[in-house]
Amino acid sequence: MIMPRLAVLLFLTLPCVRICTACSCAPSIPGQENLKTQADFKASDIVFRGELIAHRGGVAVFRVHEQWKGKLGSEVKLEWRRGDRGDCNGFWPDDLKVGNDLLVFARKGHDGVYQTSICLPTMLASAAQKLLGELGHGETNP
């Protein structure tokens, strides 16, 4: 009798393995934060500092001020999404305010749209002074 119950329980919970996974970001090891930054930089398709100038239709539009990775014009679009919804993809809610100046690390999604993650060091530029120092001077847009 236990085996059929176990089989039913497994049958009901296995779909949750893919659907119900929660966000889990690996913390950096104290004293080795620069290694995590290097890994995040390598894993990202674009890295830039810019001002959030608009969000509409699920898209966040940034005016790029400085860039370290990727071929960006004066503006770049990313998926506008909160990252605290369970799967890590998106921005921290407080960062999604028009006028905010952010340091953004992002990857190109399967649909061709850039996406960030709360596991990447995307944050307000004012809180990213150490990271900006590690990145050094980037290419500026006129």
Protein backbone atom coordinates (compact mmCIF):
# COMPACT_ATOMS: atom_id res chain seq x y z
CA MET A 1 0.00 0.00 0.00
CA ILE A 2 2.91 2.34 0.64
CA MET A 3 4.34 1.94 -2.86
CA PRO A 4 1.19 3.15 -4.68
CA ARG A 5 0.98 6.16 -2.37
CA LEU A 6 4.65 6.94 -2.97
CA ALA A 7 4.14 6.61 -6.71
CA VAL A 8 1.19 9.04 -6.59
CA LEU A 9 3.18 11.49 -4.46
CA LEU A 10 6.12 11.39 -6.86
CA PHE A 11 3.81 11.76 -9.83
CA LEU A 12 2.27 14.88 -8.31
CA THR A 13 5.51 16.50 -7.16
CA LEU A 14 7.90 15.80 -10.05
CA PRO A 15 6.35 18.46 -12.33
CA CYS A 16 7.06 20.95 -9.55
CA VAL A 17 10.80 20.32 -9.88
CA ARG A 18 10.90 22.32 -13.10
CA ILE A 19 8.01 24.70 -12.47
CA CYS A 20 8.48 25.44 -8.78
CA THR A 21 12.20 26.03 -8.53
CA ALA A 22 13.05 29.07 -6.47
CA CYS A 23 15.77 31.57 -7.13
CA SER A 24 19.10 30.70 -5.60
CA CYS A 25 22.11 32.96 -6.13
CA ALA A 26 25.51 31.79 -5.02
CA PRO A 27 27.08 34.37 -2.70
CA SER A 28 30.62 35.51 -3.35
CA ILE A 29 33.32 34.21 -1.05
CA PRO A 30 34.56 36.92 1.33
CA GLY A 31 37.75 38.41 -0.04
CA GLN A 32 37.12 36.98 -3.52
CA GLU A 33 34.35 39.27 -4.71
CA ASN A 34 36.46 40.31 -7.71
CA LEU A 35 36.44 36.69 -8.96
CA LYS A 36 32.63 36.71 -8.94
CA THR A 37 32.65 40.05 -10.76
CA GLN A 38 34.99 38.59 -13.39
CA ALA A 39 32.75 35.54 -13.80
CA ASP A 40 29.63 37.73 -14.06
CA PHE A 41 31.38 39.94 -16.62
CA LYS A 42 32.40 36.92 -18.69
CA ALA A 43 28.88 35.42 -18.52
CA SER A 44 27.19 38.69 -19.56
CA ASP A 45 26.65 39.78 -23.14
CA ILE A 46 26.50 43.47 -22.25
CA VAL A 47 27.75 45.55 -19.33
CA PHE A 48 26.93 49.24 -19.14
CA ARG A 49 25.98 52.15 -16.88
CA GLY A 50 22.91 54.04 -17.92
CA GLU A 51 19.80 55.93 -16.92
CA LEU A 52 16.41 54.22 -17.01
CA ILE A 53 14.46 56.63 -19.21
CA ALA A 54 11.25 54.67 -19.82
CA HIS A 55 9.46 51.40 -19.37
CA ARG A 56 6.63 50.34 -21.58
CA GLY A 57 5.20 47.07 -22.81
CA GLY A 58 7.52 44.93 -20.71
CA VAL A 59 10.63 46.77 -21.91
CA ALA A 60 13.00 48.98 -19.91
CA VAL A 61 14.76 51.61 -22.03
CA PHE A 62 18.15 52.88 -20.88
CA ARG A 63 20.23 55.82 -22.09
CA VAL A 64 23.76 54.40 -22.12
CA HIS A 65 26.40 56.61 -20.50
CA GLU A 66 29.32 54.19 -20.29
CA GLN A 67 29.86 50.65 -21.57
CA TRP A 68 32.36 47.90 -20.92
CA LYS A 69 31.01 45.00 -22.97
CA GLY A 70 28.86 44.74 -26.08
CA LYS A 71 28.27 47.02 -29.03
CA LEU A 72 25.61 49.40 -27.76
CA GLY A 73 24.23 52.57 -29.21
CA SER A 74 23.01 55.48 -27.15
CA GLU A 75 20.00 53.45 -25.97
CA VAL A 76 19.47 49.80 -25.04
CA LYS A 77 16.32 47.85 -24.22
CA LEU A 78 16.02 45.14 -21.60
CA GLU A 79 13.16 43.03 -20.41
CA TRP A 80 11.34 45.04 -17.72
CA ARG A 81 10.63 42.52 -15.04
CA ARG A 82 10.88 42.21 -11.27
CA GLY A 83 13.49 39.67 -10.22
CA ASP A 84 11.96 38.83 -6.88
CA ARG A 85 9.22 36.63 -8.34
CA GLY A 86 10.97 33.27 -7.86
CA ASP A 87 13.22 32.63 -10.84
CA CYS A 88 15.81 35.42 -10.39
CA ASN A 89 15.31 36.97 -13.86
CA GLY A 90 14.76 40.71 -13.72
CA PHE A 91 15.59 43.77 -11.65
CA TRP A 92 15.23 44.46 -7.95
CA PRO A 93 11.93 46.38 -7.64
CA ASP A 94 13.54 49.55 -6.23
CA ASP A 95 15.84 49.76 -9.26
CA LEU A 96 12.92 49.98 -11.72
CA LYS A 97 12.27 53.70 -11.33
CA VAL A 98 12.57 56.07 -14.26
CA GLY A 99 15.54 58.35 -13.69
CA ASN A 100 17.64 55.75 -11.84
CA ASP A 101 21.27 55.44 -12.92
CA LEU A 102 22.21 51.75 -12.94
CA LEU A 103 25.19 49.53 -13.58
CA VAL A 104 23.70 46.71 -15.67
CA PHE A 105 25.02 43.23 -16.44
CA ALA A 106 22.73 41.41 -18.91
CA ARG A 107 22.50 38.39 -21.16
CA LYS A 108 20.63 37.98 -24.39
CA GLY A 109 17.59 35.77 -23.82
CA HIS A 110 16.28 33.03 -26.09
CA ASP A 111 13.91 35.56 -27.64
CA GLY A 112 16.77 37.95 -28.46
CA VAL A 113 15.84 40.43 -25.72
CA TYR A 114 18.45 41.35 -23.12
CA GLN A 115 17.66 40.26 -19.58
CA THR A 116 19.29 40.84 -16.24
CA SER A 117 19.04 38.85 -13.04
CA ILE A 118 19.08 39.66 -9.37
CA CYS A 119 21.99 37.19 -9.22
CA LEU A 120 24.07 39.47 -11.46
CA PRO A 121 25.62 42.64 -10.02
CA THR A 122 23.04 44.92 -11.65
CA MET A 123 22.46 47.75 -9.17
CA LEU A 124 22.17 51.46 -8.66
CA ALA A 125 25.38 53.10 -9.84
CA SER A 126 25.60 54.99 -6.54
CA ALA A 127 25.90 51.62 -4.74
CA ALA A 128 28.34 50.19 -7.29
CA GLN A 129 31.42 52.32 -6.66
CA LYS A 130 33.63 49.32 -5.86
CA LEU A 131 32.46 47.46 -8.97
CA LEU A 132 32.89 50.54 -11.14
CA GLY A 133 36.44 50.80 -9.80
CA GLU A 134 37.10 47.16 -10.70
CA LEU A 135 35.73 47.71 -14.22
CA GLY A 136 37.84 50.82 -14.77
CA HIS A 137 37.00 53.41 -17.41
CA GLY A 138 34.54 52.26 -20.02
CA GLU A 139 33.72 53.59 -23.44
CA THR A 140 31.52 56.66 -23.12
CA ASN A 141 28.75 57.68 -25.47
CA PRO A 142 28.66 61.25 -26.74
